[in-house]
Amino acid sequence: MTPHHQLHTSLNTSLSASPSTSTLHASFRAAVLALAVLTAGSLTPLAVAVAQQQPPAQVPRRLLPDQPIAIDSTDPVDVMVSWLDLESYKATIKGLTQFGDRRAGTDRNRAAIDWIEEQLRNSGCTNTERITYEHLQFARPPAAPRTPPTGAAADRPNPAVAGSRAAANRRVGPPVASGGGRARGVRVRTGVNNDSLAQPDSALRALNSQPSTPGEREQVYCTKIGTTHPDEMYIVGGHMDGIGWGEAANDDGSGSAIVMELARIFSDPSVQTERSIRFILFNNEETGLNGARAYVQQREALQGIESPAGSGQYPEPRWLGMIQHDMMLFDHGMPLPDGTYAPEQRPEADVNVEFQMNSKKTLESQALAWAFHAANSRYATDYPAQVGPHMTNTDSGPFQDIVASISLRENERGTQTGSGWSPHWHQPTDVFSSYSDKDFRLGLNAAQTTLAAVAKLVGATLKQ
């Protein structure tokens, strides 16, 4: 049979009425084979592969060489970003971990605040101040025993039961994660470890043993004063407290270290900024953002007020934006189907920049997030940034209806962190040794992103 007749026969067979699936596939392969012979005079590898139901072998593509990143010495932002150093960032996190989990309301938390203030002052950010507030911890009272209704009350419909029945009959969509968005893929249970014996390190277990008590709390900040607009500022924050009987290395030593490293660089005598920057380490984040709420409550009404009058000093410059950093190291991807995790940082890891789409400052916050995305594209060395609209559960929350507010994270807080993407979250394994240089480098890229974006926003320059 000639190739022309073979092709004609194969096509007729494949288009015959109601062929079985196997017959159709076999006829199609025969048609492809005949067409290849007809057009090429011999069997091509592709035709053979199709005929044998095998995909063609993948041909390795030639890898492109890494492009060296040259520092533009004429760009002050590029120069400042180059001052960030992986080992310095790691050392700052390591310094924080010496105080264990830094649970609010403990001596270790207070010692950590003293250490943070000392580090800020030693780095040149000498005008440190503290916010003081009261935090009262109330144990939830036990539920009162229920008494079954009797008499006429027993005959009345129970609105709670009726409501639950109506809810059961109501059609619902996919579950919505905290802050908005839909969680997808493999999810695992999350929670806070409160078992001291889950921490195998006896020294760390002893360090974290003092329980939290209600009472006075403090949090420390320092400020880079702007030269031409000292009455305007951006707030750069992280939270220094943690829970879980570990070292709170990632949550949130990684974010606190970014704030401290940026304070160091912006406080260099050669750096000038037109606008002010406040570097703050919030306390009591883990108990409900209490430190950030106290800051807003005490300081919002003071914005832009010159004090003393005519002094040119502004104890609380007008807020232009709030940037929070919370959990910056671990982006190994979603849990594997067996509930374990990839051992290394995934190559496609990214810095998640989130705003809250349901806040009163959505447009301003979104614009701020995209400014950070642009800064990352230009100045971050390793990992890209992704912008998302579901900022939640961190210290930027109390600011989101007042001023443009964003958070930087290792993962989306609601849909990914909330689905268990980090095995160390609030666990005794959140210790410095759980993370590799690839993990720490993701945090460093977040620091590069924030430094570059804030430097642009405040008009940073270097003295000649």
Protein backbone atom coordinates (compact mmCIF):
# COMPACT_ATOMS: atom_id res chain seq x y z
CA MET A 1 0.00 0.00 0.00
CA THR A 2 1.38 3.39 -0.97
CA PRO A 3 1.67 6.16 1.66
CA HIS A 4 -1.19 8.02 -0.05
CA HIS A 5 -3.48 4.98 0.25
CA GLN A 6 -2.34 4.39 3.87
CA LEU A 7 -3.16 7.98 4.82
CA HIS A 8 -6.55 7.81 3.07
CA THR A 9 -7.47 4.54 4.77
CA SER A 10 -6.37 5.72 8.21
CA LEU A 11 -8.32 8.96 8.03
CA ASN A 12 -11.45 7.17 6.83
CA THR A 13 -11.16 4.76 9.74
CA SER A 14 -10.68 7.54 12.29
CA LEU A 15 -13.73 9.41 10.99
CA SER A 16 -16.01 6.37 10.71
CA ALA A 17 -19.31 6.44 12.55
CA SER A 18 -19.23 5.79 16.31
CA PRO A 19 -15.77 4.20 16.53
CA SER A 20 -14.58 3.00 19.91
CA THR A 21 -12.09 5.18 21.75
CA SER A 22 -9.28 2.68 21.29
CA THR A 23 -10.04 2.32 17.58
CA LEU A 24 -10.15 6.10 17.14
CA HIS A 25 -6.81 6.58 18.87
CA ALA A 26 -5.19 3.75 16.92
CA SER A 27 -6.50 5.10 13.63
CA PHE A 28 -5.32 8.61 14.47
CA ARG A 29 -1.82 7.32 15.24
CA ALA A 30 -1.81 5.41 11.97
CA ALA A 31 -2.86 8.57 10.14
CA VAL A 32 -0.04 10.55 11.76
CA LEU A 33 2.41 7.82 10.82
CA ALA A 34 1.24 7.78 7.23
CA LEU A 35 1.35 11.57 6.99
CA ALA A 36 4.92 11.58 8.28
CA VAL A 37 5.97 9.00 5.71
CA LEU A 38 4.16 10.89 2.96
CA THR A 39 5.74 14.25 3.74
CA ALA A 40 9.19 13.21 4.91
CA GLY A 41 9.78 9.98 3.04
CA SER A 42 10.81 8.27 6.26
CA LEU A 43 9.69 8.00 9.85
CA THR A 44 10.51 11.04 12.00
CA PRO A 45 11.16 10.59 15.73
CA LEU A 46 7.94 12.47 16.47
CA ALA A 47 5.91 10.16 14.26
CA VAL A 48 7.45 7.09 15.87
CA ALA A 49 6.74 8.47 19.33
CA VAL A 50 3.09 9.19 18.50
CA ALA A 51 2.66 5.79 16.92
CA GLN A 52 4.11 4.08 19.99
CA GLN A 53 2.09 6.23 22.43
CA GLN A 54 5.31 7.63 23.90
CA PRO A 55 6.11 11.31 24.35
CA PRO A 56 9.22 12.50 22.57
CA ALA A 57 12.31 12.63 24.72
CA GLN A 58 12.86 16.07 26.23
CA VAL A 59 15.87 17.83 24.85
CA PRO A 60 17.73 19.76 27.58
CA ARG A 61 17.62 23.48 26.95
CA ARG A 62 20.78 25.48 27.16
CA LEU A 63 20.92 27.36 30.46
CA LEU A 64 21.53 31.07 30.39
CA PRO A 65 24.39 32.34 32.54
CA ASP A 66 23.59 34.33 35.69
CA GLN A 67 23.69 38.03 35.07
CA PRO A 68 26.01 39.77 37.52
CA ILE A 69 24.35 42.57 39.46
CA ALA A 70 26.45 45.70 39.29
CA ILE A 71 25.95 48.42 41.87
CA ASP A 72 25.20 51.83 40.36
CA SER A 73 27.38 54.12 42.44
CA THR A 74 25.43 57.14 41.20
CA ASP A 75 22.15 55.78 42.63
CA PRO A 76 22.00 56.36 46.42
CA VAL A 77 19.28 53.71 46.80
CA ASP A 78 21.42 51.10 45.08
CA VAL A 79 24.35 51.96 47.32
CA MET A 80 22.23 51.76 50.48
CA VAL A 81 20.77 48.40 49.46
CA SER A 82 24.30 47.08 48.99
CA TRP A 83 24.98 47.84 52.67
CA LEU A 84 22.53 45.12 53.69
CA ASP A 85 24.44 41.97 54.55
CA LEU A 86 23.21 38.40 55.05
CA GLU A 87 25.49 37.71 58.00
CA SER A 88 24.48 40.92 59.76
CA TYR A 89 20.81 40.08 59.26
CA LYS A 90 21.34 36.57 60.62
CA ALA A 91 23.29 37.91 63.60
CA THR A 92 20.42 40.24 64.51
CA ILE A 93 17.93 37.35 64.44
CA LYS A 94 20.34 35.24 66.47
CA GLY A 95 20.63 38.03 69.02
CA LEU A 96 16.86 38.11 69.46
CA THR A 97 16.68 34.35 69.97
CA GLN A 98 18.83 34.56 73.12
CA PHE A 99 15.62 35.66 74.87
CA GLY A 100 13.66 32.58 73.86
CA ASP A 101 10.14 33.10 72.60
CA ARG A 102 9.97 36.62 74.14
CA ARG A 103 6.39 36.06 75.29
CA ALA A 104 4.81 39.36 76.34
CA GLY A 105 4.43 39.92 80.06
CA THR A 106 7.62 38.04 81.03
CA ASP A 107 11.11 39.01 82.16
CA ARG A 108 12.56 37.61 78.92
CA ASN A 109 10.31 39.93 76.93
CA ARG A 110 11.41 42.93 78.97
CA ALA A 111 15.07 41.94 78.64
CA ALA A 112 14.63 41.68 74.87
CA ILE A 113 13.18 45.22 74.73
CA ASP A 114 16.21 46.53 76.63
CA TRP A 115 18.53 44.72 74.22
CA ILE A 116 16.66 46.03 71.15
CA GLU A 117 16.90 49.60 72.41
CA GLU A 118 20.62 49.18 73.02
CA GLN A 119 21.12 47.82 69.49
CA LEU A 120 19.16 50.72 67.97
CA ARG A 121 21.22 53.26 69.86
CA ASN A 122 24.50 51.55 69.01
CA SER A 123 23.57 51.61 65.33
CA GLY A 124 23.08 55.37 65.38
CA CYS A 125 19.32 55.60 65.89
CA THR A 126 19.84 57.24 69.27
CA ASN A 127 16.53 59.07 69.82
CA THR A 128 14.82 55.95 71.17
CA GLU A 129 11.49 56.24 73.00
CA ARG A 130 9.01 53.81 74.50
CA ILE A 131 5.26 53.47 74.40
CA THR A 132 3.78 52.28 77.69
CA TYR A 133 0.34 50.69 78.02
CA GLU A 134 -1.57 48.29 80.23
CA HIS A 135 -2.44 44.81 79.09
CA LEU A 136 -4.92 42.87 81.21
CA GLN A 137 -5.29 39.15 80.61
CA PHE A 138 -8.63 37.74 81.54
CA ALA A 139 -9.16 34.02 81.58
CA ARG A 140 -12.32 33.05 79.77
CA PRO A 141 -14.94 32.15 82.44
CA PRO A 142 -16.30 28.60 82.32
CA ALA A 143 -19.60 28.23 80.54
CA ALA A 144 -22.57 28.20 82.88
CA PRO A 145 -24.42 24.87 82.99
CA ARG A 146 -27.51 24.82 80.82
CA THR A 147 -30.86 24.18 82.44
CA PRO A 148 -33.45 22.53 80.17
CA PRO A 149 -36.54 24.74 79.76
CA THR A 150 -39.76 23.62 81.38
CA GLY A 151 -43.41 24.53 81.11
CA ALA A 152 -44.37 27.15 78.52
CA ALA A 153 -40.75 27.99 77.80
CA ALA A 154 -40.20 24.46 76.54
CA ASP A 155 -42.90 24.98 73.92
CA ARG A 156 -41.39 28.17 72.49
CA PRO A 157 -39.22 27.72 69.37
CA ASN A 158 -35.52 28.09 69.98
CA PRO A 159 -34.23 30.77 67.58
CA ALA A 160 -30.68 29.40 67.80
CA VAL A 161 -31.86 25.96 66.67
CA ALA A 162 -34.04 27.45 63.96
CA GLY A 163 -31.15 29.56 62.76
CA SER A 164 -28.81 26.60 62.63
CA ARG A 165 -31.33 24.63 60.59
CA ALA A 166 -31.70 27.52 58.18
CA ALA A 167 -27.94 27.79 57.88
CA ALA A 168 -27.69 24.07 57.18
CA ASN A 169 -30.18 24.42 54.32
CA ARG A 170 -28.53 27.53 52.91
CA ARG A 171 -26.19 26.99 49.98
CA VAL A 172 -22.65 28.09 50.79
CA GLY A 173 -19.64 28.72 48.58
CA PRO A 174 -16.03 27.76 49.15
CA PRO A 175 -14.60 28.68 52.56
CA VAL A 176 -13.02 32.13 52.84
CA ALA A 177 -9.68 32.46 54.60
CA SER A 178 -8.92 35.07 57.23
CA GLY A 179 -8.57 38.43 55.49
CA GLY A 180 -10.30 37.13 52.36
CA GLY A 181 -9.27 34.77 49.62
CA ARG A 182 -9.75 31.06 49.14
CA ALA A 183 -7.34 28.44 50.41
CA ARG A 184 -6.48 25.77 47.86
CA GLY A 185 -4.44 22.61 47.63
CA VAL A 186 -3.07 20.57 50.53
CA ARG A 187 -3.89 22.03 53.96
CA VAL A 188 -2.82 20.87 57.41
CA ARG A 189 -4.00 21.70 60.90
CA THR A 190 -2.38 24.72 62.58
CA GLY A 191 -2.32 25.93 66.15
CA VAL A 192 -0.22 27.23 69.04
CA ASN A 193 1.96 24.86 71.01
CA ASN A 194 1.38 25.35 74.75
CA ASP A 195 3.11 22.15 75.86
CA SER A 196 6.49 22.88 77.45
CA LEU A 197 7.55 19.23 77.09
CA ALA A 198 7.24 19.53 73.31
CA GLN A 199 10.46 21.55 73.47
CA PRO A 200 13.29 18.97 73.64
CA ASP A 201 15.97 21.56 74.52
CA SER A 202 15.97 21.67 78.32
CA ALA A 203 17.81 25.01 78.46
CA LEU A 204 15.33 26.66 76.10
CA ARG A 205 12.46 25.05 77.97
CA ALA A 206 13.74 26.57 81.20
CA LEU A 207 14.25 29.98 79.57
CA ASN A 208 10.62 30.00 78.36
CA SER A 209 9.16 28.67 81.61
CA GLN A 210 8.09 31.95 83.23
CA PRO A 211 4.38 32.50 82.47
CA SER A 212 2.96 35.77 81.25
CA THR A 213 1.33 38.07 83.77
CA PRO A 214 -0.99 41.06 83.20
CA GLY A 215 0.24 44.59 83.77
CA GLU A 216 2.33 47.30 82.19
CA ARG A 217 3.85 46.71 78.76
CA GLU A 218 6.42 48.63 76.74
CA GLN A 219 7.54 48.80 73.13
CA VAL A 220 10.47 50.74 71.73
CA TYR A 221 10.97 52.86 68.63
CA CYS A 222 13.41 55.35 67.13
CA THR A 223 13.02 57.90 64.35
CA LYS A 224 15.03 59.16 61.40
CA ILE A 225 14.14 62.86 61.21
CA GLY A 226 13.48 64.28 57.75
CA THR A 227 15.38 67.36 56.66
CA THR A 228 12.71 69.20 54.68
CA HIS A 229 9.47 67.49 55.82
CA PRO A 230 10.11 66.39 59.41
CA ASP A 231 6.37 66.57 60.01
CA GLU A 232 5.67 63.60 57.67
CA MET A 233 6.75 59.99 58.17
CA TYR A 234 6.50 56.36 57.17
CA ILE A 235 6.24 53.75 59.93
CA VAL A 236 8.35 50.58 59.49
CA GLY A 237 7.37 47.85 61.94
CA GLY A 238 7.76 44.28 63.12
CA HIS A 239 6.71 42.55 66.34
CA MET A 240 9.30 41.39 68.84
CA ASP A 241 7.10 39.08 70.95
CA GLY A 242 6.46 35.42 70.21
CA ILE A 243 4.82 32.24 71.52
CA GLY A 244 5.11 28.49 71.12
CA TRP A 245 8.06 27.52 73.40
CA GLY A 246 10.66 28.05 70.67
CA GLU A 247 12.90 31.02 69.89
CA ALA A 248 10.40 32.94 67.73
CA ALA A 249 13.20 33.10 65.15
CA ASN A 250 10.86 33.47 62.20
CA ASP A 251 7.74 34.77 63.97
CA ASP A 252 8.83 37.40 64.31
CA GLY A 253 12.56 37.60 64.83
CA SER A 254 12.90 37.70 61.04
CA GLY A 255 10.68 40.78 60.71
CA SER A 256 12.09 42.53 63.77
CA ALA A 257 15.63 42.07 62.41
CA ILE A 258 14.59 43.77 59.15
CA VAL A 259 13.36 46.80 61.10
CA MET A 260 16.59 46.95 63.10
CA GLU A 261 18.82 46.52 60.04
CA LEU A 262 16.99 49.29 58.21
CA ALA A 263 17.29 51.57 61.25
CA ARG A 264 21.03 50.94 61.16
CA ILE A 265 21.40 51.88 57.50
CA PHE A 266 19.12 54.92 57.51
CA SER A 267 20.93 56.17 60.65
CA ASP A 268 24.28 56.22 58.87
CA PRO A 269 25.61 59.81 59.07
CA SER A 270 25.90 59.96 55.29
CA VAL A 271 22.18 59.28 54.72
CA GLN A 272 19.74 62.17 54.48
CA THR A 273 15.99 61.86 53.99
CA GLU A 274 13.48 64.55 53.16
CA ARG A 275 10.78 62.85 55.23
CA SER A 276 10.94 61.05 58.55
CA ILE A 277 10.92 57.29 59.18
CA ARG A 278 9.87 55.61 62.42
CA PHE A 279 11.28 52.16 63.21
CA ILE A 280 9.12 50.38 65.78
CA LEU A 281 9.17 46.95 67.40
CA PHE A 282 5.61 46.23 68.51
CA ASN A 283 4.80 44.12 71.56
CA ASN A 284 1.75 41.93 72.26
CA GLU A 285 1.09 41.14 68.61
CA GLU A 286 0.45 37.53 69.51
CA THR A 287 -2.28 38.45 72.00
CA GLY A 288 -4.35 40.42 69.49
CA LEU A 289 -2.24 43.27 68.06
CA ASN A 290 -2.45 45.02 71.43
CA GLY A 291 0.82 46.95 71.07
CA ALA A 292 -0.15 48.33 67.66
CA ARG A 293 -3.63 49.20 68.94
CA ALA A 294 -2.09 51.04 71.89
CA TYR A 295 0.17 53.00 69.54
CA VAL A 296 -2.77 54.07 67.37
CA GLN A 297 -4.88 54.95 70.41
CA GLN A 298 -2.16 57.08 71.98
CA ARG A 299 -0.56 58.67 68.92
CA GLU A 300 -3.14 59.10 66.15
CA ALA A 301 -4.46 62.43 67.46
CA LEU A 302 -0.92 63.83 67.81
CA GLN A 303 -0.07 63.61 64.12
CA GLY A 304 1.59 66.66 62.61
CA ILE A 305 1.45 68.77 65.78
CA GLU A 306 4.53 70.90 66.34
CA SER A 307 5.63 70.71 69.97
CA PRO A 308 6.78 72.98 71.47
CA ALA A 309 5.17 75.47 69.09
CA GLY A 310 7.71 77.06 66.79
CA SER A 311 10.40 74.47 67.62
CA GLY A 312 10.29 72.63 64.31
CA GLN A 313 9.88 69.40 66.29
CA TYR A 314 7.06 66.95 65.66
CA PRO A 315 6.78 64.17 68.26
CA GLU A 316 4.33 62.38 65.98
CA PRO A 317 4.77 63.33 62.33
CA ARG A 318 1.79 62.84 60.05
CA TRP A 319 1.53 59.24 58.92
CA LEU A 320 2.09 58.64 55.21
CA GLY A 321 2.19 54.86 55.30
CA MET A 322 2.63 51.85 57.57
CA ILE A 323 4.80 48.89 56.54
CA GLN A 324 4.76 45.73 58.68
CA HIS A 325 7.12 42.72 58.46
CA ASP A 326 5.89 39.41 59.88
CA MET A 327 7.42 35.95 59.22
CA MET A 328 9.92 36.40 56.41
CA LEU A 329 11.94 33.17 56.04
CA PHE A 330 10.00 30.05 55.08
CA ASP A 331 8.53 29.64 51.59
CA HIS A 332 8.99 25.93 50.87
CA GLY A 333 5.58 25.68 49.21
CA MET A 334 2.38 24.03 50.36
CA PRO A 335 2.59 20.85 52.46
CA LEU A 336 3.19 17.67 50.52
CA PRO A 337 0.32 15.15 50.24
CA ASP A 338 1.71 13.17 53.20
CA GLY A 339 1.75 16.27 55.44
CA THR A 340 5.51 16.80 55.27
CA TYR A 341 7.38 19.70 53.68
CA ALA A 342 10.00 20.26 51.00
CA PRO A 343 13.38 20.39 52.77
CA GLU A 344 14.64 23.52 51.02
CA GLN A 345 13.38 26.94 50.03
CA ARG A 346 11.67 26.61 46.67
CA PRO A 347 13.49 28.39 43.82
CA GLU A 348 10.30 30.28 42.95
CA ALA A 349 9.86 31.63 46.50
CA ASP A 350 8.70 35.23 46.71
CA VAL A 351 8.07 38.12 49.06
CA ASN A 352 4.33 38.60 49.56
CA VAL A 353 3.26 42.24 49.78
CA GLU A 354 -0.33 42.42 50.99
CA PHE A 355 -2.90 45.20 51.43
CA GLN A 356 -6.46 44.85 52.65
CA MET A 357 -9.03 45.31 49.90
CA ASN A 358 -11.86 45.92 52.40
CA SER A 359 -10.15 48.73 54.30
CA LYS A 360 -11.04 52.42 54.08
CA LYS A 361 -7.63 53.12 52.52
CA THR A 362 -7.70 50.41 49.87
CA LEU A 363 -6.58 52.57 46.95
CA GLU A 364 -3.76 54.22 48.88
CA SER A 365 -2.62 50.87 50.30
CA GLN A 366 -2.69 49.21 46.90
CA ALA A 367 -0.59 52.02 45.43
CA LEU A 368 1.92 51.59 48.25
CA ALA A 369 2.07 47.83 47.62
CA TRP A 370 2.83 48.33 43.94
CA ALA A 371 5.56 50.83 44.83
CA PHE A 372 7.16 48.04 46.85
CA HIS A 373 6.72 45.64 43.94
CA ALA A 374 8.56 48.08 41.67
CA ALA A 375 11.35 48.53 44.22
CA ASN A 376 11.76 44.76 44.48
CA SER A 377 11.98 44.41 40.70
CA ARG A 378 14.76 46.98 40.57
CA TYR A 379 16.79 46.33 43.71
CA ALA A 380 16.17 42.86 45.24
CA THR A 381 18.86 40.35 44.34
CA ASP A 382 17.20 36.93 44.48
CA TYR A 383 13.45 36.69 45.02
CA PRO A 384 10.58 38.58 43.36
CA ALA A 385 7.61 40.20 45.07
CA GLN A 386 3.94 39.39 44.61
CA VAL A 387 1.10 41.75 45.52
CA GLY A 388 -2.08 40.45 47.13
CA PRO A 389 -5.26 42.05 48.56
CA HIS A 390 -5.78 40.06 51.78
CA MET A 391 -3.55 41.61 54.46
CA THR A 392 -4.62 40.32 57.86
CA ASN A 393 -3.61 39.28 61.37
CA THR A 394 -0.63 41.56 61.91
CA ASP A 395 0.22 44.98 63.33
CA SER A 396 -0.65 46.90 60.18
CA GLY A 397 -4.31 46.02 60.80
CA PRO A 398 -5.04 48.80 63.33
CA PHE A 399 -3.67 51.34 60.82
CA GLN A 400 -5.47 50.13 57.69
CA ASP A 401 -8.49 52.46 57.95
CA ILE A 402 -6.33 55.48 58.80
CA VAL A 403 -3.38 55.42 56.42
CA ALA A 404 -1.97 53.37 53.54
CA SER A 405 -0.92 50.07 55.15
CA ILE A 406 0.79 46.93 53.86
CA SER A 407 2.50 43.86 55.26
CA LEU A 408 5.45 41.90 53.91
CA ARG A 409 5.48 38.14 54.49
CA GLU A 410 6.95 34.85 53.35
CA ASN A 411 3.48 33.64 52.27
CA GLU A 412 -0.04 34.97 51.97
CA ARG A 413 -1.20 35.14 55.58
CA GLY A 414 -4.76 33.92 55.24
CA THR A 415 -4.73 31.43 52.39
CA GLN A 416 -1.24 29.97 52.81
CA THR A 417 0.14 30.51 56.33
CA GLY A 418 -3.36 29.80 57.62
CA SER A 419 -3.34 26.53 55.67
CA GLY A 420 -0.18 25.33 57.38
CA TRP A 421 2.53 26.29 54.90
CA SER A 422 5.03 26.71 57.73
CA PRO A 423 5.61 23.74 60.07
CA HIS A 424 7.36 26.02 62.59
CA TRP A 425 4.58 28.59 63.05
CA HIS A 426 3.95 28.94 66.82
CA GLN A 427 5.82 25.69 67.40
CA PRO A 428 8.89 24.72 69.49
CA THR A 429 10.76 24.20 66.20
CA ASP A 430 10.74 27.95 65.44
CA VAL A 431 14.42 28.16 66.37
CA PHE A 432 17.38 29.65 64.53
CA SER A 433 18.79 26.24 63.58
CA SER A 434 15.61 25.28 61.68
CA TYR A 435 16.47 27.68 58.86
CA SER A 436 19.14 27.62 56.15
CA ASP A 437 20.91 30.45 54.37
CA LYS A 438 18.41 30.08 51.53
CA ASP A 439 15.64 30.81 54.06
CA PHE A 440 17.49 33.77 55.58
CA ARG A 441 18.14 35.13 52.10
CA LEU A 442 14.39 35.44 51.50
CA GLY A 443 14.24 37.68 54.56
CA LEU A 444 17.19 39.66 53.27
CA ASN A 445 15.36 40.22 49.98
CA ALA A 446 12.38 41.56 51.91
CA ALA A 447 14.78 43.95 53.66
CA GLN A 448 16.16 45.03 50.27
CA THR A 449 12.62 45.60 49.03
CA THR A 450 11.56 47.75 51.97
CA LEU A 451 14.81 49.69 52.14
CA ALA A 452 14.63 50.56 48.45
CA ALA A 453 10.93 51.46 48.47
CA VAL A 454 11.13 53.58 51.63
CA ALA A 455 14.31 55.29 50.43
CA LYS A 456 12.48 56.33 47.28
CA LEU A 457 9.40 57.49 49.20
CA VAL A 458 11.31 59.63 51.70
CA GLY A 459 13.74 61.09 49.15
CA ALA A 460 16.91 59.53 50.52
CA THR A 461 20.26 60.91 49.37
CA LEU A 462 23.89 60.41 50.36
CA LYS A 463 26.11 63.25 51.47
CA GLN A 464 29.08 63.80 49.19
